[in-house]
Every structure is written in structure tokens, then in C-alpha cells.
């Protein structure tokens, strides 16, 4: 299904830095609850992500990630999810997070 460029421009995708990570114990599948700093204008946002194959509380702190920031807030396994962190899914279902190739300002828009 094709979308127009105007439809794509409605999706607000930004860079943020992970500031806090904890296990989402209420999730059916292993998941991490993240707090991400998207800088001035967007601020701190929370999400829950099933990314435990490659990521944990130690290797995510201060990691920059890319996320969709204009979805409505959703309750995922008792955890408030305000953004959708983007990743590539391998054939076996493991998720590899998408991130900038160098450190950039939090809140930078992906275009």
C-alpha cells in the first residue's frame, strides 16, 4: 500500500536519549520500560518495548534511539507508552534498534 508524501510528513519521528530503563514485569513477553529524553519541545517520554534479546538496563542508558512521537498514549501491560521506538526485526523476531550513526541533539527530527 502506497502512502503520499503528505501522509508521511504527518508522522513525527525524532531522536531521543534513553535516561532510565527497568523491566516491565507486567508484560506477557519480556519487555523493558524506557524513559527517553527528546529535548526541549517534546521532553521526557515513556514507552515499553520487547527488545530484551539485545538490550538491557546496562547497555541502553544514554543510548540514542529513534521513535515516532505523535501516537496517542497507549497502555501496554500496565505501562504508559507515549512513543514507539523504531527497530528492525530479524527473521527470528529479535529487534535491533535504529539509532543515529553519531551523537546528535535530542529532539532532532527525522525527515
PDB file of N, CA and C in Angstrom:
ATOM      1  N   UNK A   1       0.838  -1.171   0.000  1.00  0.00           N
ATOM      2  CA  UNK A   1       0.000   0.000   0.000  1.00  0.00           C
ATOM      3  C   UNK A   1       0.888   1.241   0.000  1.00  0.00           C
ATOM      4  N   UNK A   2       0.704   2.093  -0.956  1.00  0.00           N
ATOM      5  CA  UNK A   2       1.455   3.333  -1.035  1.00  0.00           C
ATOM      6  C   UNK A   2       0.797   4.415  -0.191  1.00  0.00           C
ATOM      7  N   UNK A   3       1.624   5.292   0.348  1.00  0.00           N
ATOM      8  CA  UNK A   3       1.107   6.477   1.032  1.00  0.00           C
ATOM      9  C   UNK A   3       1.706   7.696   0.335  1.00  0.00           C
ATOM     10  N   UNK A   4       1.080   8.819   0.516  1.00  0.00           N
ATOM     11  CA  UNK A   4       1.593  10.043  -0.096  1.00  0.00           C
ATOM     12  C   UNK A   4       2.694  10.633   0.789  1.00  0.00           C
ATOM     13  N   UNK A   5       3.476  11.521   0.206  1.00  0.00           N
ATOM     14  CA  UNK A   5       4.497  12.222   0.974  1.00  0.00           C
ATOM     15  C   UNK A   5       3.834  13.041   2.083  1.00  0.00           C
ATOM     16  N   UNK A   6       2.671  13.600   1.812  1.00  0.00           N
ATOM     17  CA  UNK A   6       1.944  14.375   2.813  1.00  0.00           C
ATOM     18  C   UNK A   6       1.566  13.492   4.006  1.00  0.00           C
ATOM     19  N   UNK A   7       1.163  12.236   3.748  1.00  0.00           N
ATOM     20  CA  UNK A   7       0.857  11.304   4.840  1.00  0.00           C
ATOM     21  C   UNK A   7       2.108  11.028   5.672  1.00  0.00           C
ATOM     22  N   UNK A   8       3.240  10.811   5.020  1.00  0.00           N
ATOM     23  CA  UNK A   8       4.487  10.537   5.731  1.00  0.00           C
ATOM     24  C   UNK A   8       4.874  11.727   6.609  1.00  0.00           C
ATOM     25  N   UNK A   9       4.682  12.947   6.124  1.00  0.00           N
ATOM     26  CA  UNK A   9       5.050  14.144   6.876  1.00  0.00           C
ATOM     27  C   UNK A   9       4.241  14.297   8.165  1.00  0.00           C
ATOM     28  N   UNK A  10       3.101  13.612   8.257  1.00  0.00           N
ATOM     29  CA  UNK A  10       2.285  13.661   9.476  1.00  0.00           C
ATOM     30  C   UNK A  10       2.927  12.877  10.616  1.00  0.00           C
ATOM     31  N   UNK A  11       3.779  11.927  10.275  1.00  0.00           N
ATOM     32  CA  UNK A  11       4.438  11.095  11.281  1.00  0.00           C
ATOM     33  C   UNK A  11       5.643  11.863  11.821  1.00  0.00           C
ATOM     34  N   UNK A  12       5.632  12.132  13.116  1.00  0.00           N
ATOM     35  CA  UNK A  12       6.713  12.890  13.748  1.00  0.00           C
ATOM     36  C   UNK A  12       7.716  11.912  14.371  1.00  0.00           C
ATOM     37  N   UNK A  13       8.868  11.798  13.716  1.00  0.00           N
ATOM     38  CA  UNK A  13       9.914  10.876  14.145  1.00  0.00           C
ATOM     39  C   UNK A  13      11.093  11.706  14.642  1.00  0.00           C
ATOM     40  N   UNK A  14      11.539  11.406  15.872  1.00  0.00           N
ATOM     41  CA  UNK A  14      12.595  12.203  16.494  1.00  0.00           C
ATOM     42  C   UNK A  14      13.638  11.317  17.175  1.00  0.00           C
ATOM     43  N   UNK A  15      14.804  11.907  17.413  1.00  0.00           N
ATOM     44  CA  UNK A  15      15.897  11.263  18.145  1.00  0.00           C
ATOM     45  C   UNK A  15      15.769  11.614  19.623  1.00  0.00           C
ATOM     46  N   UNK A  16      15.982  10.628  20.472  1.00  0.00           N
ATOM     47  CA  UNK A  16      15.987  10.847  21.912  1.00  0.00           C
ATOM     48  C   UNK A  16      17.046   9.981  22.573  1.00  0.00           C
ATOM     49  N   UNK A  17      17.364  10.318  23.817  1.00  0.00           N
ATOM     50  CA  UNK A  17      18.361   9.569  24.584  1.00  0.00           C
ATOM     51  C   UNK A  17      17.689   8.857  25.747  1.00  0.00           C
ATOM     52  N   UNK A  18      17.954   7.558  25.871  1.00  0.00           N
ATOM     53  CA  UNK A  18      17.384   6.757  26.958  1.00  0.00           C
ATOM     54  C   UNK A  18      18.014   7.200  28.275  1.00  0.00           C
ATOM     55  N   UNK A  19      17.176   7.557  29.247  1.00  0.00           N
ATOM     56  CA  UNK A  19      17.642   8.035  30.542  1.00  0.00           C
ATOM     57  C   UNK A  19      17.361   7.052  31.679  1.00  0.00           C
ATOM     58  N   UNK A  20      16.336   6.201  31.505  1.00  0.00           N
ATOM     59  CA  UNK A  20      16.005   5.220  32.551  1.00  0.00           C
ATOM     60  C   UNK A  20      15.448   3.970  31.891  1.00  0.00           C
ATOM     61  N   UNK A  21      15.780   2.827  32.484  1.00  0.00           N
ATOM     62  CA  UNK A  21      15.331   1.531  31.972  1.00  0.00           C
ATOM     63  C   UNK A  21      14.973   0.639  33.147  1.00  0.00           C
ATOM     64  N   UNK A  22      13.852  -0.047  33.039  1.00  0.00           N
ATOM     65  CA  UNK A  22      13.523  -1.077  34.026  1.00  0.00           C
ATOM     66  C   UNK A  22      12.722  -2.172  33.342  1.00  0.00           C
ATOM     67  N   UNK A  23      12.738  -3.323  33.942  1.00  0.00           N
ATOM     68  CA  UNK A  23      11.979  -4.451  33.415  1.00  0.00           C
ATOM     69  C   UNK A  23      10.483  -4.160  33.560  1.00  0.00           C
ATOM     70  N   UNK A  24       9.723  -4.418  32.499  1.00  0.00           N
ATOM     71  CA  UNK A  24       8.265  -4.294  32.578  1.00  0.00           C
ATOM     72  C   UNK A  24       7.742  -5.659  33.026  1.00  0.00           C
ATOM     73  N   UNK A  25       7.585  -5.823  34.323  1.00  0.00           N
ATOM     74  CA  UNK A  25       7.230  -7.124  34.910  1.00  0.00           C
ATOM     75  C   UNK A  25       5.806  -7.558  34.590  1.00  0.00           C
ATOM     76  N   UNK A  26       4.945  -6.635  34.187  1.00  0.00           N
ATOM     77  CA  UNK A  26       3.555  -6.987  33.879  1.00  0.00           C
ATOM     78  C   UNK A  26       3.374  -7.471  32.438  1.00  0.00           C
ATOM     79  N   UNK A  27       4.373  -7.294  31.602  1.00  0.00           N
ATOM     80  CA  UNK A  27       4.280  -7.692  30.197  1.00  0.00           C
ATOM     81  C   UNK A  27       4.256  -9.210  30.061  1.00  0.00           C
ATOM     82  N   UNK A  28       3.453  -9.714  29.110  1.00  0.00           N
ATOM     83  CA  UNK A  28       3.382 -11.159  28.861  1.00  0.00           C
ATOM     84  C   UNK A  28       4.688 -11.689  28.300  1.00  0.00           C
ATOM     85  N   UNK A  29       5.298 -10.929  27.404  1.00  0.00           N
ATOM     86  CA  UNK A  29       6.596 -11.290  26.838  1.00  0.00           C
ATOM     87  C   UNK A  29       7.629 -10.354  27.458  1.00  0.00           C
ATOM     88  N   UNK A  30       8.893 -10.792  27.573  1.00  0.00           N
ATOM     89  CA  UNK A  30       9.910  -9.933  28.174  1.00  0.00           C
ATOM     90  C   UNK A  30       9.954  -8.562  27.492  1.00  0.00           C
ATOM     91  N   UNK A  31       9.908  -7.507  28.296  1.00  0.00           N
ATOM     92  CA  UNK A  31       9.905  -6.138  27.769  1.00  0.00           C
ATOM     93  C   UNK A  31      10.611  -5.210  28.743  1.00  0.00           C
ATOM     94  N   UNK A  32      11.060  -4.096  28.215  1.00  0.00           N
ATOM     95  CA  UNK A  32      11.695  -3.077  29.024  1.00  0.00           C
ATOM     96  C   UNK A  32      10.868  -1.797  28.974  1.00  0.00           C
ATOM     97  N   UNK A  33      10.724  -1.150  30.121  1.00  0.00           N
ATOM     98  CA  UNK A  33      10.079   0.161  30.201  1.00  0.00           C
ATOM     99  C   UNK A  33      11.188   1.201  30.119  1.00  0.00           C
ATOM    100  N   UNK A  34      11.057   2.136  29.183  1.00  0.00           N
ATOM    101  CA  UNK A  34      12.083   3.139  28.939  1.00  0.00           C
ATOM    102  C   UNK A  34      11.557   4.544  29.209  1.00  0.00           C
ATOM    103  N   UNK A  35      12.437   5.409  29.696  1.00  0.00           N
ATOM    104  CA  UNK A  35      12.173   6.843  29.752  1.00  0.00           C
ATOM    105  C   UNK A  35      13.197   7.491  28.842  1.00  0.00           C
ATOM    106  N   UNK A  36      12.699   8.264  27.871  1.00  0.00           N
ATOM    107  CA  UNK A  36      13.551   8.808  26.817  1.00  0.00           C
ATOM    108  C   UNK A  36      13.442  10.331  26.804  1.00  0.00           C
ATOM    109  N   UNK A  37      14.590  10.995  26.747  1.00  0.00           N
ATOM    110  CA  UNK A  37      14.637  12.457  26.688  1.00  0.00           C
ATOM    111  C   UNK A  37      14.683  12.901  25.230  1.00  0.00           C
ATOM    112  N   UNK A  38      13.626  13.600  24.796  1.00  0.00           N
ATOM    113  CA  UNK A  38      13.557  14.120  23.434  1.00  0.00           C
ATOM    114  C   UNK A  38      13.846  15.617  23.386  1.00  0.00           C
ATOM    115  N   UNK A  39      14.403  16.160  24.453  1.00  0.00           N
ATOM    116  CA  UNK A  39      14.824  17.548  24.459  1.00  0.00           C
ATOM    117  C   UNK A  39      13.690  18.537  24.621  1.00  0.00           C
ATOM    118  N   UNK A  40      14.043  19.813  24.502  1.00  0.00           N
ATOM    119  CA  UNK A  40      13.080  20.904  24.648  1.00  0.00           C
ATOM    120  C   UNK A  40      12.035  20.798  23.541  1.00  0.00           C
ATOM    121  N   UNK A  41      10.795  20.975  23.922  1.00  0.00           N
ATOM    122  CA  UNK A  41       9.704  20.918  22.949  1.00  0.00           C
ATOM    123  C   UNK A  41       8.921  19.622  23.039  1.00  0.00           C
ATOM    124  N   UNK A  42       9.617  18.523  23.234  1.00  0.00           N
ATOM    125  CA  UNK A  42       8.950  17.217  23.379  1.00  0.00           C
ATOM    126  C   UNK A  42       9.086  16.725  24.808  1.00  0.00           C
ATOM    127  N   UNK A  43      10.272  16.831  25.367  1.00  0.00           N
ATOM    128  CA  UNK A  43      10.515  16.446  26.752  1.00  0.00           C
ATOM    129  C   UNK A  43      10.728  14.956  26.953  1.00  0.00           C
ATOM    130  N   UNK A  44      10.509  14.514  28.190  1.00  0.00           N
ATOM    131  CA  UNK A  44      10.670  13.102  28.558  1.00  0.00           C
ATOM    132  C   UNK A  44       9.425  12.326  28.170  1.00  0.00           C
ATOM    133  N   UNK A  45       9.614  11.164  27.580  1.00  0.00           N
ATOM    134  CA  UNK A  45       8.502  10.297  27.190  1.00  0.00           C
ATOM    135  C   UNK A  45       8.802   8.874  27.650  1.00  0.00           C
ATOM    136  N   UNK A  46       7.726   8.125  27.910  1.00  0.00           N
ATOM    137  CA  UNK A  46       7.849   6.730  28.354  1.00  0.00           C
ATOM    138  C   UNK A  46       7.353   5.788  27.265  1.00  0.00           C
ATOM    139  N   UNK A  47       7.907   4.579  27.285  1.00  0.00           N
ATOM    140  CA  UNK A  47       7.430   3.537  26.389  1.00  0.00           C
ATOM    141  C   UNK A  47       7.817   2.174  26.947  1.00  0.00           C
ATOM    142  N   UNK A  48       7.212   1.140  26.414  1.00  0.00           N
ATOM    143  CA  UNK A  48       7.567  -0.239  26.734  1.00  0.00           C
ATOM    144  C   UNK A  48       7.893  -0.931  25.418  1.00  0.00           C
ATOM    145  N   UNK A  49       8.990  -1.687  25.403  1.00  0.00           N
ATOM    146  CA  UNK A  49       9.429  -2.309  24.160  1.00  0.00           C
ATOM    147  C   UNK A  49       9.951  -3.724  24.392  1.00  0.00           C
ATOM    148  N   UNK A  50       9.606  -4.619  23.483  1.00  0.00           N
ATOM    149  CA  UNK A  50      10.082  -6.003  23.547  1.00  0.00           C
ATOM    150  C   UNK A  50      11.428  -6.090  22.820  1.00  0.00           C
ATOM    151  N   UNK A  51      12.459  -5.657  23.508  1.00  0.00           N
ATOM    152  CA  UNK A  51      13.795  -5.551  22.910  1.00  0.00           C
ATOM    153  C   UNK A  51      14.862  -6.239  23.761  1.00  0.00           C
ATOM    154  N   UNK A  52      14.443  -7.213  24.571  1.00  0.00           N
ATOM    155  CA  UNK A  52      15.358  -7.809  25.556  1.00  0.00           C
ATOM    156  C   UNK A  52      16.373  -8.788  24.986  1.00  0.00           C
ATOM    157  N   UNK A  53      16.276  -9.154  23.709  1.00  0.00           N
ATOM    158  CA  UNK A  53      17.256 -10.078  23.140  1.00  0.00           C
ATOM    159  C   UNK A  53      18.644  -9.443  23.064  1.00  0.00           C
ATOM    160  N   UNK A  54      18.694  -8.168  22.732  1.00  0.00           N
ATOM    161  CA  UNK A  54      19.979  -7.480  22.580  1.00  0.00           C
ATOM    162  C   UNK A  54      20.203  -6.346  23.582  1.00  0.00           C
ATOM    163  N   UNK A  55      19.158  -5.938  24.286  1.00  0.00           N
ATOM    164  CA  UNK A  55      19.260  -4.745  25.128  1.00  0.00           C
ATOM    165  C   UNK A  55      18.851  -5.044  26.567  1.00  0.00           C
ATOM    166  N   UNK A  56      19.450  -4.280  27.486  1.00  0.00           N
ATOM    167  CA  UNK A  56      19.164  -4.458  28.911  1.00  0.00           C
ATOM    168  C   UNK A  56      19.354  -3.130  29.634  1.00  0.00           C
ATOM    169  N   UNK A  57      19.221  -3.168  30.938  1.00  0.00           N
ATOM    170  CA  UNK A  57      19.332  -1.947  31.741  1.00  0.00           C
ATOM    171  C   UNK A  57      20.721  -1.315  31.661  1.00  0.00           C
ATOM    172  N   UNK A  58      21.729  -2.097  31.354  1.00  0.00           N
ATOM    173  CA  UNK A  58      23.098  -1.578  31.310  1.00  0.00           C
ATOM    174  C   UNK A  58      23.474  -0.967  29.966  1.00  0.00           C
ATOM    175  N   UNK A  59      23.051  -1.569  28.859  1.00  0.00           N
ATOM    176  CA  UNK A  59      23.524  -1.077  27.561  1.00  0.00           C
ATOM    177  C   UNK A  59      22.571  -0.097  26.875  1.00  0.00           C
ATOM    178  N   UNK A  60      21.476   0.266  27.534  1.00  0.00           N
ATOM    179  CA  UNK A  60      20.559   1.239  26.938  1.00  0.00           C
ATOM    180  C   UNK A  60      20.696   2.650  27.510  1.00  0.00           C
ATOM    181  N   UNK A  61      21.170   2.757  28.732  1.00  0.00           N
ATOM    182  CA  UNK A  61      21.304   4.085  29.347  1.00  0.00           C
ATOM    183  C   UNK A  61      22.239   4.951  28.495  1.00  0.00           C
ATOM    184  N   UNK A  62      21.763   6.148  28.153  1.00  0.00           N
ATOM    185  CA  UNK A  62      22.470   7.132  27.336  1.00  0.00           C
ATOM    186  C   UNK A  62      22.562   6.735  25.858  1.00  0.00           C
ATOM    187  N   UNK A  63      21.895   5.676  25.447  1.00  0.00           N
ATOM    188  CA  UNK A  63      21.862   5.299  24.033  1.00  0.00           C
ATOM    189  C   UNK A  63      20.817   6.158  23.328  1.00  0.00           C
ATOM    190  N   UNK A  64      21.171   6.671  22.167  1.00  0.00           N
ATOM    191  CA  UNK A  64      20.197   7.411  21.377  1.00  0.00           C
ATOM    192  C   UNK A  64      19.371   6.443  20.547  1.00  0.00           C
ATOM    193  N   UNK A  65      18.071   6.731  20.483  1.00  0.00           N
ATOM    194  CA  UNK A  65      17.132   5.909  19.728  1.00  0.00           C
ATOM    195  C   UNK A  65      16.279   6.829  18.860  1.00  0.00           C
ATOM    196  N   UNK A  66      15.548   6.229  17.958  1.00  0.00           N
ATOM    197  CA  UNK A  66      14.639   6.964  17.077  1.00  0.00           C
ATOM    198  C   UNK A  66      13.235   6.459  17.346  1.00  0.00           C
ATOM    199  N   UNK A  67      12.284   7.396  17.476  1.00  0.00           N
ATOM    200  CA  UNK A  67      10.921   6.999  17.836  1.00  0.00           C
ATOM    201  C   UNK A  67       9.873   7.880  17.158  1.00  0.00           C
ATOM    202  N   UNK A  68       8.710   7.275  16.938  1.00  0.00           N
ATOM    203  CA  UNK A  68       7.536   8.024  16.497  1.00  0.00           C
ATOM    204  C   UNK A  68       6.964   8.682  17.744  1.00  0.00           C
ATOM    205  N   UNK A  69       6.785   9.999  17.693  1.00  0.00           N
ATOM    206  CA  UNK A  69       6.415  10.753  18.895  1.00  0.00           C
ATOM    207  C   UNK A  69       4.997  11.304  18.883  1.00  0.00           C
ATOM    208  N   UNK A  70       4.217  11.049  17.834  1.00  0.00           N
ATOM    209  CA  UNK A  70       2.871  11.632  17.806  1.00  0.00           C
ATOM    210  C   UNK A  70       1.753  10.599  17.739  1.00  0.00           C
ATOM    211  N   UNK A  71       2.010   9.419  18.290  1.00  0.00           N
ATOM    212  CA  UNK A  71       0.924   8.454  18.507  1.00  0.00           C
ATOM    213  C   UNK A  71       0.207   8.833  19.802  1.00  0.00           C
ATOM    214  N   UNK A  72      -1.080   8.508  19.928  1.00  0.00           N
ATOM    215  CA  UNK A  72      -1.731   8.740  21.215  1.00  0.00           C
ATOM    216  C   UNK A  72      -1.148   7.798  22.277  1.00  0.00           C
ATOM    217  N   UNK A  73      -1.196   8.223  23.528  1.00  0.00           N
ATOM    218  CA  UNK A  73      -0.710   7.391  24.636  1.00  0.00           C
ATOM    219  C   UNK A  73      -1.502   6.095  24.684  1.00  0.00           C
ATOM    220  N   UNK A  74      -0.773   4.996  24.926  1.00  0.00           N
ATOM    221  CA  UNK A  74      -1.392   3.664  24.959  1.00  0.00           C
ATOM    222  C   UNK A  74      -0.909   2.927  26.203  1.00  0.00           C
ATOM    223  N   UNK A  75      -1.802   2.165  26.827  1.00  0.00           N
ATOM    224  CA  UNK A  75      -1.431   1.350  27.977  1.00  0.00           C
ATOM    225  C   UNK A  75      -0.973  -0.010  27.471  1.00  0.00           C
ATOM    226  N   UNK A  76       0.290  -0.330  27.722  1.00  0.00           N
ATOM    227  CA  UNK A  76       0.849  -1.618  27.313  1.00  0.00           C
ATOM    228  C   UNK A  76       1.280  -2.353  28.573  1.00  0.00           C
ATOM    229  N   UNK A  77       0.546  -3.400  28.908  1.00  0.00           N
ATOM    230  CA  UNK A  77       0.856  -4.235  30.082  1.00  0.00           C
ATOM    231  C   UNK A  77       1.036  -3.388  31.339  1.00  0.00           C
ATOM    232  N   UNK A  78       0.115  -2.463  31.559  1.00  0.00           N
ATOM    233  CA  UNK A  78       0.161  -1.651  32.762  1.00  0.00           C
ATOM    234  C   UNK A  78       1.176  -0.531  32.730  1.00  0.00           C
ATOM    235  N   UNK A  79       1.819  -0.333  31.594  1.00  0.00           N
ATOM    236  CA  UNK A  79       2.826   0.711  31.455  1.00  0.00           C
ATOM    237  C   UNK A  79       2.357   1.708  30.396  1.00  0.00           C
ATOM    238  N   UNK A  80       2.447   2.995  30.722  1.00  0.00           N
ATOM    239  CA  UNK A  80       2.042   4.032  29.782  1.00  0.00           C
ATOM    240  C   UNK A  80       3.080   4.149  28.673  1.00  0.00           C
ATOM    241  N   UNK A  81       2.621   4.055  27.417  1.00  0.00           N
ATOM    242  CA  UNK A  81       3.512   4.156  26.270  1.00  0.00           C
ATOM    243  C   UNK A  81       3.137   5.396  25.468  1.00  0.00           C
ATOM    244  N   UNK A  82       4.068   6.345  25.405  1.00  0.00           N
ATOM    245  CA  UNK A  82       3.815   7.622  24.739  1.00  0.00           C
ATOM    246  C   UNK A  82       4.483   7.735  23.377  1.00  0.00           C
ATOM    247  N   UNK A  83       5.461   6.873  23.104  1.00  0.00           N
ATOM    248  CA  UNK A  83       6.181   6.887  21.825  1.00  0.00           C
ATOM    249  C   UNK A  83       6.400   5.449  21.364  1.00  0.00           C
ATOM    250  N   UNK A  84       6.748   5.284  20.094  1.00  0.00           N
ATOM    251  CA  UNK A  84       7.066   3.975  19.535  1.00  0.00           C
ATOM    252  C   UNK A  84       8.518   3.998  19.075  1.00  0.00           C
ATOM    253  N   UNK A  85       9.376   3.282  19.803  1.00  0.00           N
ATOM    254  CA  UNK A  85      10.785   3.193  19.438  1.00  0.00           C
ATOM    255  C   UNK A  85      10.896   2.304  18.198  1.00  0.00           C
ATOM    256  N   UNK A  86      11.712   2.749  17.230  1.00  0.00           N
ATOM    257  CA  UNK A  86      11.820   2.029  15.963  1.00  0.00           C
ATOM    258  C   UNK A  86      12.998   1.068  15.950  1.00  0.00           C
ATOM    259  N   UNK A  87      12.780  -0.082  15.339  1.00  0.00           N
ATOM    260  CA  UNK A  87      13.815  -1.085  15.205  1.00  0.00           C
ATOM    261  C   UNK A  87      13.556  -1.955  13.999  1.00  0.00           C
ATOM    262  N   UNK A  88      14.565  -2.707  13.625  1.00  0.00           N
ATOM    263  CA  UNK A  88      14.449  -3.665  12.530  1.00  0.00           C
ATOM    264  C   UNK A  88      14.279  -5.049  13.138  1.00  0.00           C
ATOM    265  N   UNK A  89      13.300  -5.808  12.629  1.00  0.00           N
ATOM    266  CA  UNK A  89      13.044  -7.145  13.166  1.00  0.00           C
ATOM    267  C   UNK A  89      13.732  -8.194  12.299  1.00  0.00           C
ATOM    268  N   UNK A  90      14.593  -8.962  12.955  1.00  0.00           N
ATOM    269  CA  UNK A  90      15.281 -10.050  12.262  1.00  0.00           C
ATOM    270  C   UNK A  90      14.305 -11.209  12.014  1.00  0.00           C
ATOM    271  N   UNK A  91      14.707 -12.152  11.184  1.00  0.00           N
ATOM    272  CA  UNK A  91      13.837 -13.284  10.838  1.00  0.00           C
ATOM    273  C   UNK A  91      13.367 -14.065  12.058  1.00  0.00           C
ATOM    274  N   UNK A  92      14.206 -14.111  13.095  1.00  0.00           N
ATOM    275  CA  UNK A  92      13.853 -14.867  14.298  1.00  0.00           C
ATOM    276  C   UNK A  92      13.054 -14.037  15.311  1.00  0.00           C
ATOM    277  N   UNK A  93      12.690 -12.806  14.929  1.00  0.00           N
ATOM    278  CA  UNK A  93      11.872 -11.972  15.788  1.00  0.00           C
ATOM    279  C   UNK A  93      12.635 -11.044  16.718  1.00  0.00           C
ATOM    280  N   UNK A  94      13.938 -11.130  16.729  1.00  0.00           N
ATOM    281  CA  UNK A  94      14.742 -10.242  17.573  1.00  0.00           C
ATOM    282  C   UNK A  94      14.782  -8.848  16.955  1.00  0.00           C
ATOM    283  N   UNK A  95      14.704  -7.828  17.826  1.00  0.00           N
ATOM    284  CA  UNK A  95      14.658  -6.449  17.354  1.00  0.00           C
ATOM    285  C   UNK A  95      16.016  -5.768  17.543  1.00  0.00           C
ATOM    286  N   UNK A  96      16.478  -5.122  16.483  1.00  0.00           N
ATOM    287  CA  UNK A  96      17.694  -4.307  16.510  1.00  0.00           C
ATOM    288  C   UNK A  96      17.242  -2.856  16.409  1.00  0.00           C
ATOM    289  N   UNK A  97      17.550  -2.059  17.421  1.00  0.00           N
ATOM    290  CA  UNK A  97      17.117  -0.666  17.434  1.00  0.00           C
ATOM    291  C   UNK A  97      17.797   0.158  16.350  1.00  0.00           C
ATOM    292  N   UNK A  98      17.055   1.113  15.809  1.00  0.00           N
ATOM    293  CA  UNK A  98      17.598   2.068  14.851  1.00  0.00           C
ATOM    294  C   UNK A  98      18.110   3.268  15.655  1.00  0.00           C
ATOM    295  N   UNK A  99      19.314   3.736  15.313  1.00  0.00           N
ATOM    296  CA  UNK A  99      19.881   4.868  16.032  1.00  0.00           C
ATOM    297  C   UNK A  99      20.781   5.664  15.096  1.00  0.00           C
ATOM    298  N   UNK A 100      21.054   6.936  15.445  1.00  0.00           N
ATOM    299  CA  UNK A 100      21.938   7.745  14.608  1.00  0.00           C
ATOM    300  C   UNK A 100      23.354   7.176  14.599  1.00  0.00           C
ATOM    301  N   UNK A 101      24.082   7.423  13.526  1.00  0.00           N
ATOM    302  CA  UNK A 101      25.459   6.921  13.427  1.00  0.00           C
ATOM    303  C   UNK A 101      26.445   7.777  14.224  1.00  0.00           C
ATOM    304  N   UNK A 102      25.987   8.935  14.703  1.00  0.00           N
ATOM    305  CA  UNK A 102      26.787   9.766  15.615  1.00  0.00           C
ATOM    306  C   UNK A 102      25.830  10.460  16.570  1.00  0.00           C
ATOM    307  N   UNK A 103      26.357  10.963  17.682  1.00  0.00           N
ATOM    308  CA  UNK A 103      25.528  11.647  18.677  1.00  0.00           C
ATOM    309  C   UNK A 103      24.991  12.944  18.072  1.00  0.00           C
ATOM    310  N   UNK A 104      23.678  13.132  18.213  1.00  0.00           N
ATOM    311  CA  UNK A 104      23.025  14.349  17.723  1.00  0.00           C
ATOM    312  C   UNK A 104      22.167  14.935  18.836  1.00  0.00           C
ATOM    313  N   UNK A 105      21.601  16.093  18.618  1.00  0.00           N
ATOM    314  CA  UNK A 105      20.784  16.754  19.616  1.00  0.00           C
ATOM    315  C   UNK A 105      19.482  15.978  19.836  1.00  0.00           C
ATOM    316  N   UNK A 106      19.075  15.844  21.101  1.00  0.00           N
ATOM    317  CA  UNK A 106      17.786  15.238  21.397  1.00  0.00           C
ATOM    318  C   UNK A 106      16.683  16.078  20.773  1.00  0.00           C
ATOM    319  N   UNK A 107      15.702  15.400  20.202  1.00  0.00           N
ATOM    320  CA  UNK A 107      14.586  16.094  19.573  1.00  0.00           C
ATOM    321  C   UNK A 107      14.765  16.309  18.092  1.00  0.00           C
ATOM    322  N   UNK A 108      15.974  16.046  17.574  1.00  0.00           N
ATOM    323  CA  UNK A 108      16.211  16.224  16.143  1.00  0.00           C
ATOM    324  C   UNK A 108      15.178  15.427  15.358  1.00  0.00           C
ATOM    325  N   UNK A 109      14.563  16.068  14.375  1.00  0.00           N
ATOM    326  CA  UNK A 109      13.513  15.400  13.590  1.00  0.00           C
ATOM    327  C   UNK A 109      14.120  14.575  12.469  1.00  0.00           C
ATOM    328  N   UNK A 110      13.566  13.401  12.268  1.00  0.00           N
ATOM    329  CA  UNK A 110      13.949  12.539  11.154  1.00  0.00           C
ATOM    330  C   UNK A 110      13.046  12.918   9.982  1.00  0.00           C
ATOM    331  N   UNK A 111      13.653  13.242   8.843  1.00  0.00           N
ATOM    332  CA  UNK A 111      12.868  13.651   7.682  1.00  0.00           C
ATOM    333  C   UNK A 111      13.146  12.771   6.487  1.00  0.00           C
TER     334      UNK A 111
END
